[in-house]
């Protein structure tokens, strides 16, 4: 069977297959821009056309092999050719589905303008209120979640979309001078940072870079600040979202609760301490640890 005939059959088969909606965040951005939408659809079309070209070539080879396998006379007969074609089209349909599920998500992970929107690391930063920052493999910001209005206020006037993580952190820290980070109680000027990364080594490097960026910013602005890096169990994430705190700060609050609950239930303790600055929670832990001793 000729390559052209097979490609026509494969296109008809591909058109009948409903591809899953796998474009994720790109679909949301495409809805806001007709240009982006056009580019995304073009990417899908090119991907399917490529799949059809590949399968058409492979199908010709399959048909040739099948003719030799079942015998020249049987393969030349109409019934033999029909069986071969049915098998080829069935295999092609499976191939197209597998291609759609595996390769198209990779094509659509990036915006048409080249920005990688796949999360590579999740960074939390707590001073008083907390920020949860999603970054890609280039350490550029995909998005930021604020836990409350106070945290949202830190982002006022700061352009962070697709910007380098460390540059944005420097702007945020600088805004905290004479606010959350004051000169009155420098011993309580503590910033809590956590990093959850796809690659452990890269995660450790990002932590070091954050620590360096914050200290450089503080030196430039005459601020005395300590950066505490903290890890937390992943199961805390959903509980933290419910409590409107970052997982790292919830871990710190639970540590304070374990030192001295102050006669409160865990829920009441979290409800009270989630409004405290990180430095105040550390001060509580230090004071009550001394009392225990």
C-alpha atoms as a PDB file:
ATOM      1  CA  UNK A   1       0.000   0.000   0.000  1.00  0.00           C
ATOM      2  CA  UNK A   2       1.336   3.449  -0.879  1.00  0.00           C
ATOM      3  CA  UNK A   3       2.540   5.910   1.691  1.00  0.00           C
ATOM      4  CA  UNK A   4       0.034   8.568   0.588  1.00  0.00           C
ATOM      5  CA  UNK A   5      -2.968   6.260   1.055  1.00  0.00           C
ATOM      6  CA  UNK A   6      -1.810   5.216   4.517  1.00  0.00           C
ATOM      7  CA  UNK A   7      -1.279   8.829   5.604  1.00  0.00           C
ATOM      8  CA  UNK A   8      -4.842   9.668   4.559  1.00  0.00           C
ATOM      9  CA  UNK A   9      -6.228   6.772   6.595  1.00  0.00           C
ATOM     10  CA  UNK A  10      -4.112   7.723   9.594  1.00  0.00           C
ATOM     11  CA  UNK A  11      -5.299  11.358   9.481  1.00  0.00           C
ATOM     12  CA  UNK A  12      -8.903  10.152   9.500  1.00  0.00           C
ATOM     13  CA  UNK A  13      -8.138   7.879  12.450  1.00  0.00           C
ATOM     14  CA  UNK A  14      -6.312  10.650  14.315  1.00  0.00           C
ATOM     15  CA  UNK A  15      -9.231  13.047  13.799  1.00  0.00           C
ATOM     16  CA  UNK A  16     -11.559  10.548  15.440  1.00  0.00           C
ATOM     17  CA  UNK A  17      -9.426  10.307  18.573  1.00  0.00           C
ATOM     18  CA  UNK A  18     -10.283  12.777  21.367  1.00  0.00           C
ATOM     19  CA  UNK A  19      -7.049  14.022  22.885  1.00  0.00           C
ATOM     20  CA  UNK A  20      -7.106  14.629  26.651  1.00  0.00           C
ATOM     21  CA  UNK A  21      -6.992  18.213  27.881  1.00  0.00           C
ATOM     22  CA  UNK A  22      -3.384  18.284  28.966  1.00  0.00           C
ATOM     23  CA  UNK A  23      -2.267  21.831  28.398  1.00  0.00           C
ATOM     24  CA  UNK A  24      -2.561  22.917  32.066  1.00  0.00           C
ATOM     25  CA  UNK A  25      -1.460  26.439  32.812  1.00  0.00           C
ATOM     26  CA  UNK A  26      -0.790  27.149  29.149  1.00  0.00           C
ATOM     27  CA  UNK A  27      -4.527  26.817  28.415  1.00  0.00           C
ATOM     28  CA  UNK A  28      -5.295  29.419  31.059  1.00  0.00           C
ATOM     29  CA  UNK A  29      -2.802  31.857  29.595  1.00  0.00           C
ATOM     30  CA  UNK A  30      -3.987  31.121  26.068  1.00  0.00           C
ATOM     31  CA  UNK A  31      -7.527  32.093  27.055  1.00  0.00           C
ATOM     32  CA  UNK A  32      -6.204  35.569  27.854  1.00  0.00           C
ATOM     33  CA  UNK A  33      -4.379  35.986  24.560  1.00  0.00           C
ATOM     34  CA  UNK A  34      -5.519  35.027  21.074  1.00  0.00           C
ATOM     35  CA  UNK A  35      -1.908  35.019  19.949  1.00  0.00           C
ATOM     36  CA  UNK A  36      -0.917  32.474  22.571  1.00  0.00           C
ATOM     37  CA  UNK A  37      -3.956  30.367  21.776  1.00  0.00           C
ATOM     38  CA  UNK A  38      -3.007  30.275  18.108  1.00  0.00           C
ATOM     39  CA  UNK A  39       0.551  29.224  18.970  1.00  0.00           C
ATOM     40  CA  UNK A  40      -0.619  26.430  21.297  1.00  0.00           C
ATOM     41  CA  UNK A  41      -3.023  25.037  18.706  1.00  0.00           C
ATOM     42  CA  UNK A  42      -0.294  25.228  16.090  1.00  0.00           C
ATOM     43  CA  UNK A  43       1.994  23.206  18.380  1.00  0.00           C
ATOM     44  CA  UNK A  44      -0.675  20.510  18.751  1.00  0.00           C
ATOM     45  CA  UNK A  45      -1.228  20.349  14.997  1.00  0.00           C
ATOM     46  CA  UNK A  46       2.473  20.068  14.249  1.00  0.00           C
ATOM     47  CA  UNK A  47       2.803  17.328  16.866  1.00  0.00           C
ATOM     48  CA  UNK A  48      -0.029  15.255  15.364  1.00  0.00           C
ATOM     49  CA  UNK A  49       1.239  15.810  11.801  1.00  0.00           C
ATOM     50  CA  UNK A  50       4.658  14.599  12.921  1.00  0.00           C
ATOM     51  CA  UNK A  51       3.094  11.524  14.510  1.00  0.00           C
ATOM     52  CA  UNK A  52       1.185  10.756  11.316  1.00  0.00           C
ATOM     53  CA  UNK A  53       4.320  11.086   9.171  1.00  0.00           C
ATOM     54  CA  UNK A  54       6.203   8.717  11.459  1.00  0.00           C
ATOM     55  CA  UNK A  55       3.398   6.169  11.631  1.00  0.00           C
ATOM     56  CA  UNK A  56       2.841   6.298   7.859  1.00  0.00           C
ATOM     57  CA  UNK A  57       6.475   5.419   7.241  1.00  0.00           C
ATOM     58  CA  UNK A  58       6.437   2.693   9.868  1.00  0.00           C
ATOM     59  CA  UNK A  59       3.178   1.265   8.529  1.00  0.00           C
ATOM     60  CA  UNK A  60       4.648   0.834   5.032  1.00  0.00           C
ATOM     61  CA  UNK A  61       7.493  -1.104   6.593  1.00  0.00           C
ATOM     62  CA  UNK A  62       5.024  -3.200   8.656  1.00  0.00           C
ATOM     63  CA  UNK A  63       2.996  -4.023   5.585  1.00  0.00           C
ATOM     64  CA  UNK A  64       6.110  -5.152   3.727  1.00  0.00           C
ATOM     65  CA  UNK A  65       7.183  -7.377   6.594  1.00  0.00           C
ATOM     66  CA  UNK A  66       3.665  -8.754   6.967  1.00  0.00           C
ATOM     67  CA  UNK A  67       3.528  -9.686   3.266  1.00  0.00           C
ATOM     68  CA  UNK A  68       6.706 -11.703   3.639  1.00  0.00           C
ATOM     69  CA  UNK A  69       5.504 -13.304   6.876  1.00  0.00           C
ATOM     70  CA  UNK A  70       2.043 -14.503   5.823  1.00  0.00           C
ATOM     71  CA  UNK A  71       3.141 -15.449   2.347  1.00  0.00           C
ATOM     72  CA  UNK A  72       3.279 -13.531  -0.906  1.00  0.00           C
ATOM     73  CA  UNK A  73       0.099 -15.018  -2.360  1.00  0.00           C
ATOM     74  CA  UNK A  74      -2.053 -14.421   0.742  1.00  0.00           C
ATOM     75  CA  UNK A  75      -0.734 -10.907   1.227  1.00  0.00           C
ATOM     76  CA  UNK A  76      -1.554  -9.998  -2.383  1.00  0.00           C
ATOM     77  CA  UNK A  77      -5.152 -11.071  -1.947  1.00  0.00           C
ATOM     78  CA  UNK A  78      -7.814  -8.561  -0.957  1.00  0.00           C
ATOM     79  CA  UNK A  79      -8.554 -10.320   2.343  1.00  0.00           C
ATOM     80  CA  UNK A  80      -4.885 -10.396   3.280  1.00  0.00           C
ATOM     81  CA  UNK A  81      -4.421  -6.701   2.531  1.00  0.00           C
ATOM     82  CA  UNK A  82      -7.556  -5.834   4.520  1.00  0.00           C
ATOM     83  CA  UNK A  83      -6.270  -7.693   7.577  1.00  0.00           C
ATOM     84  CA  UNK A  84      -2.889  -5.970   7.302  1.00  0.00           C
ATOM     85  CA  UNK A  85      -4.484  -2.536   6.923  1.00  0.00           C
ATOM     86  CA  UNK A  86      -6.807  -3.079   9.914  1.00  0.00           C
ATOM     87  CA  UNK A  87      -3.857  -4.102  12.056  1.00  0.00           C
ATOM     88  CA  UNK A  88      -1.791  -1.131  10.893  1.00  0.00           C
ATOM     89  CA  UNK A  89      -4.574   1.380  11.570  1.00  0.00           C
ATOM     90  CA  UNK A  90      -5.210  -0.105  15.035  1.00  0.00           C
ATOM     91  CA  UNK A  91      -1.515   0.174  15.881  1.00  0.00           C
ATOM     92  CA  UNK A  92      -1.489   3.711  14.505  1.00  0.00           C
ATOM     93  CA  UNK A  93      -4.410   4.743  16.746  1.00  0.00           C
ATOM     94  CA  UNK A  94      -2.588   3.432  19.807  1.00  0.00           C
ATOM     95  CA  UNK A  95       0.573   5.229  18.733  1.00  0.00           C
ATOM     96  CA  UNK A  96      -1.232   8.548  18.348  1.00  0.00           C
ATOM     97  CA  UNK A  97      -2.773   8.239  21.826  1.00  0.00           C
ATOM     98  CA  UNK A  98       0.574   7.378  23.392  1.00  0.00           C
ATOM     99  CA  UNK A  99       2.221  10.260  21.545  1.00  0.00           C
ATOM    100  CA  UNK A 100      -0.464  12.652  22.774  1.00  0.00           C
ATOM    101  CA  UNK A 101      -0.129  11.512  26.383  1.00  0.00           C
ATOM    102  CA  UNK A 102       3.676  11.534  26.498  1.00  0.00           C
ATOM    103  CA  UNK A 103       5.011  14.162  24.129  1.00  0.00           C
ATOM    104  CA  UNK A 104       2.401  16.893  23.804  1.00  0.00           C
ATOM    105  CA  UNK A 105       2.549  17.791  27.552  1.00  0.00           C
ATOM    106  CA  UNK A 106       6.284  18.368  27.090  1.00  0.00           C
ATOM    107  CA  UNK A 107       5.614  20.619  24.098  1.00  0.00           C
ATOM    108  CA  UNK A 108       3.030  22.627  26.022  1.00  0.00           C
ATOM    109  CA  UNK A 109       4.964  23.022  29.276  1.00  0.00           C
ATOM    110  CA  UNK A 110       6.499  26.200  27.897  1.00  0.00           C
ATOM    111  CA  UNK A 111       4.813  29.343  26.700  1.00  0.00           C
ATOM    112  CA  UNK A 112       5.142  30.101  22.988  1.00  0.00           C
ATOM    113  CA  UNK A 113       7.560  32.885  23.927  1.00  0.00           C
ATOM    114  CA  UNK A 114       9.942  30.308  25.429  1.00  0.00           C
ATOM    115  CA  UNK A 115       9.271  30.705  29.173  1.00  0.00           C
ATOM    116  CA  UNK A 116       9.348  27.373  31.016  1.00  0.00           C
ATOM    117  CA  UNK A 117       6.223  27.235  33.204  1.00  0.00           C
ATOM    118  CA  UNK A 118       6.920  23.842  34.789  1.00  0.00           C
ATOM    119  CA  UNK A 119       7.561  24.031  38.532  1.00  0.00           C
ATOM    120  CA  UNK A 120      11.025  22.841  39.486  1.00  0.00           C
ATOM    121  CA  UNK A 121      11.199  24.115  43.063  1.00  0.00           C
ATOM    122  CA  UNK A 122       8.814  25.487  45.675  1.00  0.00           C
ATOM    123  CA  UNK A 123      10.263  28.146  47.972  1.00  0.00           C
ATOM    124  CA  UNK A 124       8.634  29.498  51.129  1.00  0.00           C
ATOM    125  CA  UNK A 125       9.758  32.726  52.777  1.00  0.00           C
ATOM    126  CA  UNK A 126       8.415  33.869  56.156  1.00  0.00           C
ATOM    127  CA  UNK A 127       9.144  37.109  57.980  1.00  0.00           C
ATOM    128  CA  UNK A 128       5.809  37.895  59.541  1.00  0.00           C
ATOM    129  CA  UNK A 129       3.455  36.700  56.869  1.00  0.00           C
ATOM    130  CA  UNK A 130       4.528  34.089  54.376  1.00  0.00           C
ATOM    131  CA  UNK A 131       5.037  33.707  50.651  1.00  0.00           C
ATOM    132  CA  UNK A 132       5.023  30.475  48.671  1.00  0.00           C
ATOM    133  CA  UNK A 133       7.017  30.942  45.480  1.00  0.00           C
ATOM    134  CA  UNK A 134       6.993  28.560  42.529  1.00  0.00           C
ATOM    135  CA  UNK A 135      10.069  28.665  40.271  1.00  0.00           C
ATOM    136  CA  UNK A 136      11.206  26.842  37.143  1.00  0.00           C
ATOM    137  CA  UNK A 137      14.529  25.130  36.460  1.00  0.00           C
ATOM    138  CA  UNK A 138      16.082  28.510  35.592  1.00  0.00           C
ATOM    139  CA  UNK A 139      14.988  29.789  39.022  1.00  0.00           C
ATOM    140  CA  UNK A 140      12.583  32.269  37.491  1.00  0.00           C
ATOM    141  CA  UNK A 141       9.244  32.835  39.149  1.00  0.00           C
ATOM    142  CA  UNK A 142       6.147  31.110  37.799  1.00  0.00           C
ATOM    143  CA  UNK A 143       3.818  32.386  40.505  1.00  0.00           C
ATOM    144  CA  UNK A 144       3.549  33.475  44.143  1.00  0.00           C
ATOM    145  CA  UNK A 145       0.877  32.509  46.668  1.00  0.00           C
ATOM    146  CA  UNK A 146       0.374  34.835  49.615  1.00  0.00           C
ATOM    147  CA  UNK A 147      -1.074  33.419  52.820  1.00  0.00           C
ATOM    148  CA  UNK A 148      -2.941  36.605  53.805  1.00  0.00           C
ATOM    149  CA  UNK A 149      -3.470  40.292  53.008  1.00  0.00           C
ATOM    150  CA  UNK A 150      -0.330  41.290  54.902  1.00  0.00           C
ATOM    151  CA  UNK A 151       1.762  39.025  52.701  1.00  0.00           C
ATOM    152  CA  UNK A 152       0.034  40.342  49.590  1.00  0.00           C
ATOM    153  CA  UNK A 153       0.988  43.886  50.620  1.00  0.00           C
ATOM    154  CA  UNK A 154       4.665  42.912  50.386  1.00  0.00           C
ATOM    155  CA  UNK A 155       4.218  42.376  46.662  1.00  0.00           C
ATOM    156  CA  UNK A 156       2.621  45.757  45.967  1.00  0.00           C
ATOM    157  CA  UNK A 157       4.606  47.536  43.286  1.00  0.00           C
ATOM    158  CA  UNK A 158       6.875  44.543  42.654  1.00  0.00           C
ATOM    159  CA  UNK A 159       6.869  42.915  39.222  1.00  0.00           C
ATOM    160  CA  UNK A 160       7.743  39.271  39.782  1.00  0.00           C
ATOM    161  CA  UNK A 161       6.262  37.230  36.929  1.00  0.00           C
ATOM    162  CA  UNK A 162       9.097  35.399  35.095  1.00  0.00           C
ATOM    163  CA  UNK A 163      11.692  37.382  37.092  1.00  0.00           C
ATOM    164  CA  UNK A 164      14.735  35.810  38.755  1.00  0.00           C
ATOM    165  CA  UNK A 165      13.890  34.569  42.265  1.00  0.00           C
ATOM    166  CA  UNK A 166      16.805  36.291  44.009  1.00  0.00           C
ATOM    167  CA  UNK A 167      16.125  39.707  42.483  1.00  0.00           C
ATOM    168  CA  UNK A 168      12.502  39.622  43.651  1.00  0.00           C
ATOM    169  CA  UNK A 169      13.469  38.428  47.142  1.00  0.00           C
ATOM    170  CA  UNK A 170      15.879  41.348  47.441  1.00  0.00           C
ATOM    171  CA  UNK A 171      13.064  43.796  46.626  1.00  0.00           C
ATOM    172  CA  UNK A 172      10.740  42.168  49.155  1.00  0.00           C
ATOM    173  CA  UNK A 173      13.323  42.177  51.947  1.00  0.00           C
ATOM    174  CA  UNK A 174      14.188  45.822  51.274  1.00  0.00           C
ATOM    175  CA  UNK A 175      10.509  46.742  51.724  1.00  0.00           C
ATOM    176  CA  UNK A 176      10.566  45.199  55.212  1.00  0.00           C
ATOM    177  CA  UNK A 177      13.065  47.709  56.574  1.00  0.00           C
ATOM    178  CA  UNK A 178      11.496  49.598  59.477  1.00  0.00           C
ATOM    179  CA  UNK A 179       8.550  47.248  59.191  1.00  0.00           C
ATOM    180  CA  UNK A 180       8.654  43.507  59.817  1.00  0.00           C
ATOM    181  CA  UNK A 181      12.444  43.795  60.091  1.00  0.00           C
ATOM    182  CA  UNK A 182      13.194  46.703  62.402  1.00  0.00           C
ATOM    183  CA  UNK A 183      16.237  47.990  64.237  1.00  0.00           C
ATOM    184  CA  UNK A 184      14.420  47.983  67.597  1.00  0.00           C
ATOM    185  CA  UNK A 185      14.728  44.202  68.110  1.00  0.00           C
ATOM    186  CA  UNK A 186      17.484  43.036  65.741  1.00  0.00           C
ATOM    187  CA  UNK A 187      17.765  39.707  67.553  1.00  0.00           C
ATOM    188  CA  UNK A 188      14.259  38.910  66.333  1.00  0.00           C
ATOM    189  CA  UNK A 189      14.962  39.803  62.700  1.00  0.00           C
ATOM    190  CA  UNK A 190      14.768  36.240  61.470  1.00  0.00           C
ATOM    191  CA  UNK A 191      13.669  35.099  58.021  1.00  0.00           C
ATOM    192  CA  UNK A 192      12.454  31.521  57.705  1.00  0.00           C
ATOM    193  CA  UNK A 193      13.204  29.847  54.365  1.00  0.00           C
ATOM    194  CA  UNK A 194      12.427  26.406  52.982  1.00  0.00           C
ATOM    195  CA  UNK A 195      13.069  24.875  49.571  1.00  0.00           C
ATOM    196  CA  UNK A 196      11.464  21.789  48.087  1.00  0.00           C
ATOM    197  CA  UNK A 197      13.145  20.887  44.794  1.00  0.00           C
ATOM    198  CA  UNK A 198      12.988  18.120  42.202  1.00  0.00           C
ATOM    199  CA  UNK A 199      16.737  17.642  42.593  1.00  0.00           C
ATOM    200  CA  UNK A 200      18.235  17.594  46.112  1.00  0.00           C
ATOM    201  CA  UNK A 201      21.584  19.103  45.062  1.00  0.00           C
ATOM    202  CA  UNK A 202      19.855  21.905  43.183  1.00  0.00           C
ATOM    203  CA  UNK A 203      17.627  22.469  46.204  1.00  0.00           C
ATOM    204  CA  UNK A 204      20.658  22.919  48.450  1.00  0.00           C
ATOM    205  CA  UNK A 205      22.228  25.291  45.934  1.00  0.00           C
ATOM    206  CA  UNK A 206      19.032  27.369  45.789  1.00  0.00           C
ATOM    207  CA  UNK A 207      19.042  27.588  49.606  1.00  0.00           C
ATOM    208  CA  UNK A 208      22.619  28.874  49.573  1.00  0.00           C
ATOM    209  CA  UNK A 209      21.798  31.394  46.841  1.00  0.00           C
ATOM    210  CA  UNK A 210      18.763  32.647  48.782  1.00  0.00           C
ATOM    211  CA  UNK A 211      20.846  33.030  51.927  1.00  0.00           C
ATOM    212  CA  UNK A 212      23.483  34.964  49.981  1.00  0.00           C
ATOM    213  CA  UNK A 213      20.945  37.187  48.202  1.00  0.00           C
ATOM    214  CA  UNK A 214      19.170  38.112  51.440  1.00  0.00           C
ATOM    215  CA  UNK A 215      22.374  38.924  53.298  1.00  0.00           C
ATOM    216  CA  UNK A 216      23.650  41.012  50.388  1.00  0.00           C
ATOM    217  CA  UNK A 217      20.385  42.956  50.336  1.00  0.00           C
ATOM    218  CA  UNK A 218      20.535  43.490  54.095  1.00  0.00           C
ATOM    219  CA  UNK A 219      24.111  44.771  53.940  1.00  0.00           C
ATOM    220  CA  UNK A 220      23.168  47.230  51.213  1.00  0.00           C
ATOM    221  CA  UNK A 221      20.223  48.490  53.275  1.00  0.00           C
ATOM    222  CA  UNK A 222      21.939  48.506  56.680  1.00  0.00           C
ATOM    223  CA  UNK A 223      19.789  45.705  58.102  1.00  0.00           C
ATOM    224  CA  UNK A 224      20.823  42.987  60.559  1.00  0.00           C
ATOM    225  CA  UNK A 225      19.011  39.775  59.627  1.00  0.00           C
ATOM    226  CA  UNK A 226      19.452  36.072  60.290  1.00  0.00           C
ATOM    227  CA  UNK A 227      18.260  33.478  57.765  1.00  0.00           C
ATOM    228  CA  UNK A 228      17.074  30.144  59.156  1.00  0.00           C
ATOM    229  CA  UNK A 229      16.669  27.282  56.702  1.00  0.00           C
ATOM    230  CA  UNK A 230      14.073  24.713  57.695  1.00  0.00           C
ATOM    231  CA  UNK A 231      12.735  21.470  56.265  1.00  0.00           C
ATOM    232  CA  UNK A 232       9.226  20.155  56.802  1.00  0.00           C
ATOM    233  CA  UNK A 233       7.399  16.884  56.101  1.00  0.00           C
ATOM    234  CA  UNK A 234       5.337  17.060  52.907  1.00  0.00           C
ATOM    235  CA  UNK A 235       2.182  15.959  54.734  1.00  0.00           C
ATOM    236  CA  UNK A 236       2.132  19.374  56.460  1.00  0.00           C
ATOM    237  CA  UNK A 237       1.373  21.127  53.169  1.00  0.00           C
ATOM    238  CA  UNK A 238      -2.396  20.570  53.185  1.00  0.00           C
ATOM    239  CA  UNK A 239      -2.707  21.416  56.898  1.00  0.00           C
ATOM    240  CA  UNK A 240      -0.680  24.599  56.362  1.00  0.00           C
ATOM    241  CA  UNK A 241      -2.950  25.705  53.509  1.00  0.00           C
ATOM    242  CA  UNK A 242      -5.968  25.175  55.782  1.00  0.00           C
ATOM    243  CA  UNK A 243      -4.346  27.273  58.530  1.00  0.00           C
ATOM    244  CA  UNK A 244      -3.262  30.021  56.102  1.00  0.00           C
ATOM    245  CA  UNK A 245       0.430  29.663  56.868  1.00  0.00           C
ATOM    246  CA  UNK A 246       3.359  28.241  54.958  1.00  0.00           C
ATOM    247  CA  UNK A 247       4.343  24.629  55.766  1.00  0.00           C
ATOM    248  CA  UNK A 248       7.675  25.869  57.132  1.00  0.00           C
ATOM    249  CA  UNK A 249       6.038  28.270  59.577  1.00  0.00           C
ATOM    250  CA  UNK A 250       3.552  25.603  60.663  1.00  0.00           C
ATOM    251  CA  UNK A 251       6.507  23.321  61.405  1.00  0.00           C
ATOM    252  CA  UNK A 252       8.041  26.073  63.527  1.00  0.00           C
ATOM    253  CA  UNK A 253       4.747  26.678  65.383  1.00  0.00           C
ATOM    254  CA  UNK A 254       4.383  22.971  66.127  1.00  0.00           C
ATOM    255  CA  UNK A 255       7.919  22.976  67.507  1.00  0.00           C
ATOM    256  CA  UNK A 256       6.938  25.836  69.837  1.00  0.00           C
ATOM    257  CA  UNK A 257       3.797  23.934  70.839  1.00  0.00           C
ATOM    258  CA  UNK A 258       5.855  20.857  71.710  1.00  0.00           C
ATOM    259  CA  UNK A 259       8.109  22.977  73.939  1.00  0.00           C
ATOM    260  CA  UNK A 260       5.256  24.588  75.864  1.00  0.00           C
ATOM    261  CA  UNK A 261       1.629  24.456  74.815  1.00  0.00           C
ATOM    262  CA  UNK A 262       0.707  27.082  77.391  1.00  0.00           C
ATOM    263  CA  UNK A 263      -2.398  25.144  78.345  1.00  0.00           C
ATOM    264  CA  UNK A 264      -3.903  25.647  74.868  1.00  0.00           C
ATOM    265  CA  UNK A 265      -5.205  23.120  72.402  1.00  0.00           C
ATOM    266  CA  UNK A 266      -3.087  22.617  69.294  1.00  0.00           C
ATOM    267  CA  UNK A 267      -5.692  24.357  67.115  1.00  0.00           C
ATOM    268  CA  UNK A 268      -5.874  27.401  69.414  1.00  0.00           C
ATOM    269  CA  UNK A 269      -2.098  27.551  69.684  1.00  0.00           C
ATOM    270  CA  UNK A 270      -1.692  27.533  65.899  1.00  0.00           C
ATOM    271  CA  UNK A 271      -4.458  30.104  65.522  1.00  0.00           C
ATOM    272  CA  UNK A 272      -2.653  32.488  67.875  1.00  0.00           C
ATOM    273  CA  UNK A 273       0.939  31.917  66.763  1.00  0.00           C
ATOM    274  CA  UNK A 274       0.330  32.066  63.026  1.00  0.00           C
ATOM    275  CA  UNK A 275      -0.006  35.851  63.391  1.00  0.00           C
ATOM    276  CA  UNK A 276       3.372  36.224  65.119  1.00  0.00           C
ATOM    277  CA  UNK A 277       6.577  37.150  63.339  1.00  0.00           C
ATOM    278  CA  UNK A 278       9.102  34.350  62.899  1.00  0.00           C
ATOM    279  CA  UNK A 279      11.497  36.038  65.347  1.00  0.00           C
ATOM    280  CA  UNK A 280       8.795  36.135  68.036  1.00  0.00           C
ATOM    281  CA  UNK A 281       8.171  32.399  67.694  1.00  0.00           C
ATOM    282  CA  UNK A 282      11.883  31.660  68.001  1.00  0.00           C
ATOM    283  CA  UNK A 283      12.020  33.903  71.075  1.00  0.00           C
ATOM    284  CA  UNK A 284       9.129  31.945  72.623  1.00  0.00           C
ATOM    285  CA  UNK A 285      10.912  28.644  71.969  1.00  0.00           C
ATOM    286  CA  UNK A 286      14.164  29.943  73.456  1.00  0.00           C
ATOM    287  CA  UNK A 287      12.495  31.365  76.573  1.00  0.00           C
ATOM    288  CA  UNK A 288      10.463  28.263  77.322  1.00  0.00           C
ATOM    289  CA  UNK A 289      13.346  25.926  76.609  1.00  0.00           C
ATOM    290  CA  UNK A 290      15.352  27.753  79.288  1.00  0.00           C
ATOM    291  CA  UNK A 291      12.419  27.456  81.662  1.00  0.00           C
ATOM    292  CA  UNK A 292      12.251  23.701  81.120  1.00  0.00           C
ATOM    293  CA  UNK A 293      15.955  23.397  81.926  1.00  0.00           C
END
